[in-house]
PDB file of N, CA and C in Angstrom:
ATOM      1  N   UNK A   1     112.948 206.804 351.312  1.00  0.00           N
ATOM      2  CA  UNK A   1     113.006 207.505 352.583  1.00  0.00           C
ATOM      3  C   UNK A   1     111.959 208.613 352.567  1.00  0.00           C
ATOM      4  N   UNK A   2     111.323 208.813 353.678  1.00  0.00           N
ATOM      5  CA  UNK A   2     110.291 209.830 353.819  1.00  0.00           C
ATOM      6  C   UNK A   2     110.737 210.828 354.876  1.00  0.00           C
ATOM      7  N   UNK A   3     110.513 212.098 354.634  1.00  0.00           N
ATOM      8  CA  UNK A   3     110.873 213.145 355.581  1.00  0.00           C
ATOM      9  C   UNK A   3     109.609 213.811 356.093  1.00  0.00           C
ATOM     10  N   UNK A   4     109.539 213.967 357.410  1.00  0.00           N
ATOM     11  CA  UNK A   4     108.418 214.663 358.021  1.00  0.00           C
ATOM     12  C   UNK A   4     108.948 215.638 359.057  1.00  0.00           C
ATOM     13  N   UNK A   5     108.183 216.651 359.334  1.00  0.00           N
ATOM     14  CA  UNK A   5     108.528 217.618 360.375  1.00  0.00           C
ATOM     15  C   UNK A   5     107.511 217.467 361.491  1.00  0.00           C
ATOM     16  N   UNK A   6     108.005 217.404 362.723  1.00  0.00           N
ATOM     17  CA  UNK A   6     107.107 217.249 363.867  1.00  0.00           C
ATOM     18  C   UNK A   6     107.381 218.338 364.885  1.00  0.00           C
ATOM     19  N   UNK A   7     106.380 218.654 365.672  1.00  0.00           N
ATOM     20  CA  UNK A   7     106.530 219.566 366.801  1.00  0.00           C
ATOM     21  C   UNK A   7     106.468 218.731 368.072  1.00  0.00           C
ATOM     22  N   UNK A   8     107.496 218.832 368.893  1.00  0.00           N
ATOM     23  CA  UNK A   8     107.554 218.047 370.117  1.00  0.00           C
ATOM     24  C   UNK A   8     106.872 218.826 371.231  1.00  0.00           C
ATOM     25  N   UNK A   9     105.833 218.229 371.794  1.00  0.00           N
ATOM     26  CA  UNK A   9     105.064 218.883 372.846  1.00  0.00           C
ATOM     27  C   UNK A   9     105.492 218.417 374.238  1.00  0.00           C
ATOM     28  N   UNK A  10     106.085 217.252 374.311  1.00  0.00           N
ATOM     29  CA  UNK A  10     106.461 216.679 375.593  1.00  0.00           C
ATOM     30  C   UNK A  10     107.924 216.249 375.523  1.00  0.00           C
ATOM     31  N   UNK A  11     108.755 216.628 376.504  1.00  0.00           N
ATOM     32  CA  UNK A  11     110.175 216.254 376.477  1.00  0.00           C
ATOM     33  C   UNK A  11     110.405 214.741 376.418  1.00  0.00           C
ATOM     34  N   UNK A  12     109.462 213.952 376.897  1.00  0.00           N
ATOM     35  CA  UNK A  12     109.608 212.499 376.841  1.00  0.00           C
ATOM     36  C   UNK A  12     109.624 212.015 375.392  1.00  0.00           C
ATOM     37  N   UNK A  13     108.906 212.704 374.539  1.00  0.00           N
ATOM     38  CA  UNK A  13     108.872 212.330 373.126  1.00  0.00           C
ATOM     39  C   UNK A  13     110.247 212.537 372.491  1.00  0.00           C
ATOM     40  N   UNK A  14     110.940 213.571 372.912  1.00  0.00           N
ATOM     41  CA  UNK A  14     112.277 213.832 372.382  1.00  0.00           C
ATOM     42  C   UNK A  14     113.219 212.692 372.765  1.00  0.00           C
ATOM     43  N   UNK A  15     113.092 212.199 373.987  1.00  0.00           N
ATOM     44  CA  UNK A  15     113.915 211.077 374.431  1.00  0.00           C
ATOM     45  C   UNK A  15     113.608 209.836 373.599  1.00  0.00           C
ATOM     46  N   UNK A  16     112.344 209.602 373.325  1.00  0.00           N
ATOM     47  CA  UNK A  16     111.967 208.459 372.494  1.00  0.00           C
ATOM     48  C   UNK A  16     112.576 208.566 371.092  1.00  0.00           C
ATOM     49  N   UNK A  17     112.545 209.760 370.538  1.00  0.00           N
ATOM     50  CA  UNK A  17     113.131 209.968 369.212  1.00  0.00           C
ATOM     51  C   UNK A  17     114.634 209.722 369.236  1.00  0.00           C
ATOM     52  N   UNK A  18     115.302 210.178 370.296  1.00  0.00           N
ATOM     53  CA  UNK A  18     116.742 209.936 370.407  1.00  0.00           C
ATOM     54  C   UNK A  18     117.033 208.442 370.523  1.00  0.00           C
ATOM     55  N   UNK A  19     116.189 207.724 371.262  1.00  0.00           N
ATOM     56  CA  UNK A  19     116.359 206.274 371.384  1.00  0.00           C
ATOM     57  C   UNK A  19     116.198 205.593 370.023  1.00  0.00           C
ATOM     58  N   UNK A  20     115.228 206.030 369.250  1.00  0.00           N
ATOM     59  CA  UNK A  20     115.042 205.478 367.907  1.00  0.00           C
ATOM     60  C   UNK A  20     116.241 205.771 367.016  1.00  0.00           C
ATOM     61  N   UNK A  21     116.817 206.951 367.173  1.00  0.00           N
ATOM     62  CA  UNK A  21     118.002 207.308 366.398  1.00  0.00           C
ATOM     63  C   UNK A  21     119.193 206.439 366.817  1.00  0.00           C
ATOM     64  N   UNK A  22     119.318 206.164 368.116  1.00  0.00           N
ATOM     65  CA  UNK A  22     120.401 205.302 368.598  1.00  0.00           C
ATOM     66  C   UNK A  22     120.285 203.888 368.038  1.00  0.00           C
ATOM     67  N   UNK A  23     119.075 203.446 367.774  1.00  0.00           N
ATOM     68  CA  UNK A  23     118.837 202.120 367.196  1.00  0.00           C
ATOM     69  C   UNK A  23     118.948 202.127 365.666  1.00  0.00           C
ATOM     70  N   UNK A  24     119.326 203.280 365.106  1.00  0.00           N
ATOM     71  CA  UNK A  24     119.446 203.462 363.650  1.00  0.00           C
ATOM     72  C   UNK A  24     118.129 203.197 362.926  1.00  0.00           C
ATOM     73  N   UNK A  25     117.037 203.511 363.581  1.00  0.00           N
ATOM     74  CA  UNK A  25     115.727 203.392 362.951  1.00  0.00           C
ATOM     75  C   UNK A  25     115.301 204.697 362.287  1.00  0.00           C
ATOM     76  N   UNK A  26     115.775 205.802 362.836  1.00  0.00           N
ATOM     77  CA  UNK A  26     115.497 207.122 362.262  1.00  0.00           C
ATOM     78  C   UNK A  26     116.776 207.939 362.296  1.00  0.00           C
ATOM     79  N   UNK A  27     116.767 209.031 361.569  1.00  0.00           N
ATOM     80  CA  UNK A  27     117.886 209.977 361.574  1.00  0.00           C
ATOM     81  C   UNK A  27     117.321 211.341 361.932  1.00  0.00           C
ATOM     82  N   UNK A  28     117.938 211.992 362.884  1.00  0.00           N
ATOM     83  CA  UNK A  28     117.483 213.314 363.315  1.00  0.00           C
ATOM     84  C   UNK A  28     118.376 214.354 362.658  1.00  0.00           C
ATOM     85  N   UNK A  29     117.772 215.246 361.896  1.00  0.00           N
ATOM     86  CA  UNK A  29     118.501 216.334 361.244  1.00  0.00           C
ATOM     87  C   UNK A  29     118.159 217.636 361.931  1.00  0.00           C
ATOM     88  N   UNK A  30     119.154 218.441 362.134  1.00  0.00           N
ATOM     89  CA  UNK A  30     118.918 219.774 362.680  1.00  0.00           C
ATOM     90  C   UNK A  30     118.253 220.618 361.603  1.00  0.00           C
ATOM     91  N   UNK A  31     117.369 221.487 362.030  1.00  0.00           N
ATOM     92  CA  UNK A  31     116.692 222.377 361.092  1.00  0.00           C
ATOM     93  C   UNK A  31     117.680 223.436 360.627  1.00  0.00           C
ATOM     94  N   UNK A  32     117.686 223.688 359.351  1.00  0.00           N
ATOM     95  CA  UNK A  32     118.646 224.620 358.771  1.00  0.00           C
ATOM     96  C   UNK A  32     118.149 226.048 358.895  1.00  0.00           C
ATOM     97  N   UNK A  33     119.079 226.972 358.848  1.00  0.00           N
ATOM     98  CA  UNK A  33     118.750 228.396 358.942  1.00  0.00           C
ATOM     99  C   UNK A  33     117.868 228.837 357.785  1.00  0.00           C
ATOM    100  N   UNK A  34     117.971 228.138 356.688  1.00  0.00           N
ATOM    101  CA  UNK A  34     117.176 228.505 355.523  1.00  0.00           C
ATOM    102  C   UNK A  34     115.695 228.547 355.855  1.00  0.00           C
ATOM    103  N   UNK A  35     115.235 227.608 356.625  1.00  0.00           N
ATOM    104  CA  UNK A  35     113.815 227.603 356.959  1.00  0.00           C
ATOM    105  C   UNK A  35     113.439 228.802 357.825  1.00  0.00           C
ATOM    106  N   UNK A  36     114.382 229.246 358.697  1.00  0.00           N
ATOM    107  CA  UNK A  36     114.129 230.454 359.469  1.00  0.00           C
ATOM    108  C   UNK A  36     113.990 231.650 358.530  1.00  0.00           C
ATOM    109  N   UNK A  37     114.873 231.701 357.546  1.00  0.00           N
ATOM    110  CA  UNK A  37     114.818 232.779 356.564  1.00  0.00           C
ATOM    111  C   UNK A  37     113.530 232.691 355.757  1.00  0.00           C
ATOM    112  N   UNK A  38     113.173 231.484 355.399  1.00  0.00           N
ATOM    113  CA  UNK A  38     111.946 231.276 354.635  1.00  0.00           C
ATOM    114  C   UNK A  38     110.716 231.729 355.420  1.00  0.00           C
ATOM    115  N   UNK A  39     110.675 231.384 356.698  1.00  0.00           N
ATOM    116  CA  UNK A  39     109.533 231.794 357.513  1.00  0.00           C
ATOM    117  C   UNK A  39     109.501 233.315 357.682  1.00  0.00           C
ATOM    118  N   UNK A  40     110.673 233.937 357.771  1.00  0.00           N
ATOM    119  CA  UNK A  40     110.736 235.393 357.850  1.00  0.00           C
ATOM    120  C   UNK A  40     110.191 236.017 356.573  1.00  0.00           C
ATOM    121  N   UNK A  41     110.575 235.472 355.430  1.00  0.00           N
ATOM    122  CA  UNK A  41     110.058 235.994 354.158  1.00  0.00           C
ATOM    123  C   UNK A  41     108.549 235.853 354.076  1.00  0.00           C
ATOM    124  N   UNK A  42     108.039 234.715 354.488  1.00  0.00           N
ATOM    125  CA  UNK A  42     106.590 234.518 354.462  1.00  0.00           C
ATOM    126  C   UNK A  42     105.890 235.518 355.372  1.00  0.00           C
ATOM    127  N   UNK A  43     106.476 235.774 356.522  1.00  0.00           N
ATOM    128  CA  UNK A  43     105.891 236.724 357.470  1.00  0.00           C
ATOM    129  C   UNK A  43     105.872 238.127 356.873  1.00  0.00           C
ATOM    130  N   UNK A  44     106.984 238.531 356.264  1.00  0.00           N
ATOM    131  CA  UNK A  44     107.052 239.867 355.671  1.00  0.00           C
ATOM    132  C   UNK A  44     106.110 239.988 354.480  1.00  0.00           C
ATOM    133  N   UNK A  45     106.048 238.945 353.672  1.00  0.00           N
ATOM    134  CA  UNK A  45     105.182 238.983 352.492  1.00  0.00           C
ATOM    135  C   UNK A  45     103.715 239.009 352.873  1.00  0.00           C
ATOM    136  N   UNK A  46     103.376 238.377 353.970  1.00  0.00           N
ATOM    137  CA  UNK A  46     101.970 238.353 354.370  1.00  0.00           C
ATOM    138  C   UNK A  46     101.492 239.721 354.827  1.00  0.00           C
ATOM    139  N   UNK A  47     102.411 240.561 355.292  1.00  0.00           N
ATOM    140  CA  UNK A  47     102.049 241.906 355.734  1.00  0.00           C
ATOM    141  C   UNK A  47     101.928 242.879 354.566  1.00  0.00           C
ATOM    142  N   UNK A  48     102.482 242.506 353.431  1.00  0.00           N
ATOM    143  CA  UNK A  48     102.460 243.377 352.270  1.00  0.00           C
ATOM    144  C   UNK A  48     101.056 243.429 351.678  1.00  0.00           C
ATOM    145  N   UNK A  49     100.621 244.624 351.348  1.00  0.00           N
ATOM    146  CA  UNK A  49      99.299 244.780 350.749  1.00  0.00           C
ATOM    147  C   UNK A  49      99.388 244.996 349.245  1.00  0.00           C
ATOM    148  N   UNK A  50     100.563 245.364 348.765  1.00  0.00           N
ATOM    149  CA  UNK A  50     100.735 245.662 347.343  1.00  0.00           C
ATOM    150  C   UNK A  50     101.481 244.531 346.648  1.00  0.00           C
ATOM    151  N   UNK A  51     101.066 244.267 345.431  1.00  0.00           N
ATOM    152  CA  UNK A  51     101.793 243.328 344.586  1.00  0.00           C
ATOM    153  C   UNK A  51     102.894 244.104 343.878  1.00  0.00           C
ATOM    154  N   UNK A  52     104.083 243.555 343.857  1.00  0.00           N
ATOM    155  CA  UNK A  52     105.203 244.217 343.191  1.00  0.00           C
ATOM    156  C   UNK A  52     105.307 243.637 341.787  1.00  0.00           C
ATOM    157  N   UNK A  53     105.377 244.528 340.815  1.00  0.00           N
ATOM    158  CA  UNK A  53     105.472 244.068 339.435  1.00  0.00           C
ATOM    159  C   UNK A  53     106.927 243.761 339.088  1.00  0.00           C
ATOM    160  N   UNK A  54     107.110 243.019 338.031  1.00  0.00           N
ATOM    161  CA  UNK A  54     108.456 242.683 337.571  1.00  0.00           C
ATOM    162  C   UNK A  54     109.212 243.947 337.173  1.00  0.00           C
ATOM    163  N   UNK A  55     108.526 244.901 336.599  1.00  0.00           N
ATOM    164  CA  UNK A  55     109.168 246.158 336.205  1.00  0.00           C
ATOM    165  C   UNK A  55     109.683 246.918 337.428  1.00  0.00           C
ATOM    166  N   UNK A  56     108.919 246.926 338.511  1.00  0.00           N
ATOM    167  CA  UNK A  56     109.357 247.608 339.733  1.00  0.00           C
ATOM    168  C   UNK A  56     110.585 246.926 340.328  1.00  0.00           C
ATOM    169  N   UNK A  57     110.595 245.623 340.299  1.00  0.00           N
ATOM    170  CA  UNK A  57     111.759 244.889 340.801  1.00  0.00           C
ATOM    171  C   UNK A  57     112.978 245.192 339.946  1.00  0.00           C
ATOM    172  N   UNK A  58     112.802 245.168 338.641  1.00  0.00           N
ATOM    173  CA  UNK A  58     113.901 245.448 337.717  1.00  0.00           C
ATOM    174  C   UNK A  58     114.446 246.856 337.925  1.00  0.00           C
ATOM    175  N   UNK A  59     113.565 247.836 338.068  1.00  0.00           N
ATOM    176  CA  UNK A  59     113.991 249.216 338.307  1.00  0.00           C
ATOM    177  C   UNK A  59     114.797 249.333 339.595  1.00  0.00           C
ATOM    178  N   UNK A  60     114.340 248.660 340.638  1.00  0.00           N
ATOM    179  CA  UNK A  60     115.040 248.709 341.921  1.00  0.00           C
ATOM    180  C   UNK A  60     116.427 248.072 341.820  1.00  0.00           C
ATOM    181  N   UNK A  61     116.521 246.944 341.151  1.00  0.00           N
ATOM    182  CA  UNK A  61     117.814 246.271 340.982  1.00  0.00           C
ATOM    183  C   UNK A  61     118.764 247.153 340.179  1.00  0.00           C
ATOM    184  N   UNK A  62     118.279 247.740 339.123  1.00  0.00           N
ATOM    185  CA  UNK A  62     119.122 248.608 338.300  1.00  0.00           C
ATOM    186  C   UNK A  62     119.593 249.830 339.075  1.00  0.00           C
ATOM    187  N   UNK A  63     118.735 250.383 339.902  1.00  0.00           N
ATOM    188  CA  UNK A  63     119.101 251.540 340.715  1.00  0.00           C
ATOM    189  C   UNK A  63     120.208 251.170 341.712  1.00  0.00           C
ATOM    190  N   UNK A  64     120.065 250.040 342.371  1.00  0.00           N
ATOM    191  CA  UNK A  64     121.070 249.607 343.350  1.00  0.00           C
ATOM    192  C   UNK A  64     122.393 249.324 342.654  1.00  0.00           C
ATOM    193  N   UNK A  65     122.342 248.691 341.503  1.00  0.00           N
ATOM    194  CA  UNK A  65     123.582 248.414 340.749  1.00  0.00           C
ATOM    195  C   UNK A  65     124.251 249.704 340.331  1.00  0.00           C
ATOM    196  N   UNK A  66     123.463 250.667 339.896  1.00  0.00           N
ATOM    197  CA  UNK A  66     124.019 251.948 339.464  1.00  0.00           C
ATOM    198  C   UNK A  66     124.732 252.626 340.618  1.00  0.00           C
ATOM    199  N   UNK A  67     124.082 252.651 341.790  1.00  0.00           N
ATOM    200  CA  UNK A  67     124.690 253.272 342.985  1.00  0.00           C
ATOM    201  C   UNK A  67     125.963 252.542 343.386  1.00  0.00           C
ATOM    202  N   UNK A  68     125.968 251.222 343.281  1.00  0.00           N
ATOM    203  CA  UNK A  68     127.132 250.428 343.665  1.00  0.00           C
ATOM    204  C   UNK A  68     128.315 250.707 342.745  1.00  0.00           C
ATOM    205  N   UNK A  69     128.062 250.759 341.431  1.00  0.00           N
ATOM    206  CA  UNK A  69     129.144 250.933 340.489  1.00  0.00           C
ATOM    207  C   UNK A  69     129.630 252.368 340.380  1.00  0.00           C
ATOM    208  N   UNK A  70     128.858 253.338 340.866  1.00  0.00           N
ATOM    209  CA  UNK A  70     129.295 254.737 340.860  1.00  0.00           C
ATOM    210  C   UNK A  70     130.368 254.993 341.912  1.00  0.00           C
ATOM    211  N   UNK A  71     130.425 254.153 342.936  1.00  0.00           N
ATOM    212  CA  UNK A  71     131.393 254.349 344.013  1.00  0.00           C
ATOM    213  C   UNK A  71     132.791 254.067 343.622  1.00  0.00           C
TER     214      UNK A  71
END
């Protein structure tokens, strides 16, 4: 099985795809929220000008954990 992603430019194409699905020739899957999240991450990362080091990430995680457990 092969999976592809398409952009529908004409509503008639969507009807054709539904007809193919009715004939059990293709299966239409709804796009998952994960891809929305993924695209958001890519958008945010593309705006970043600084590279974050592993040490900076570790320090931030430790700080958040410390604040959480102090409560």
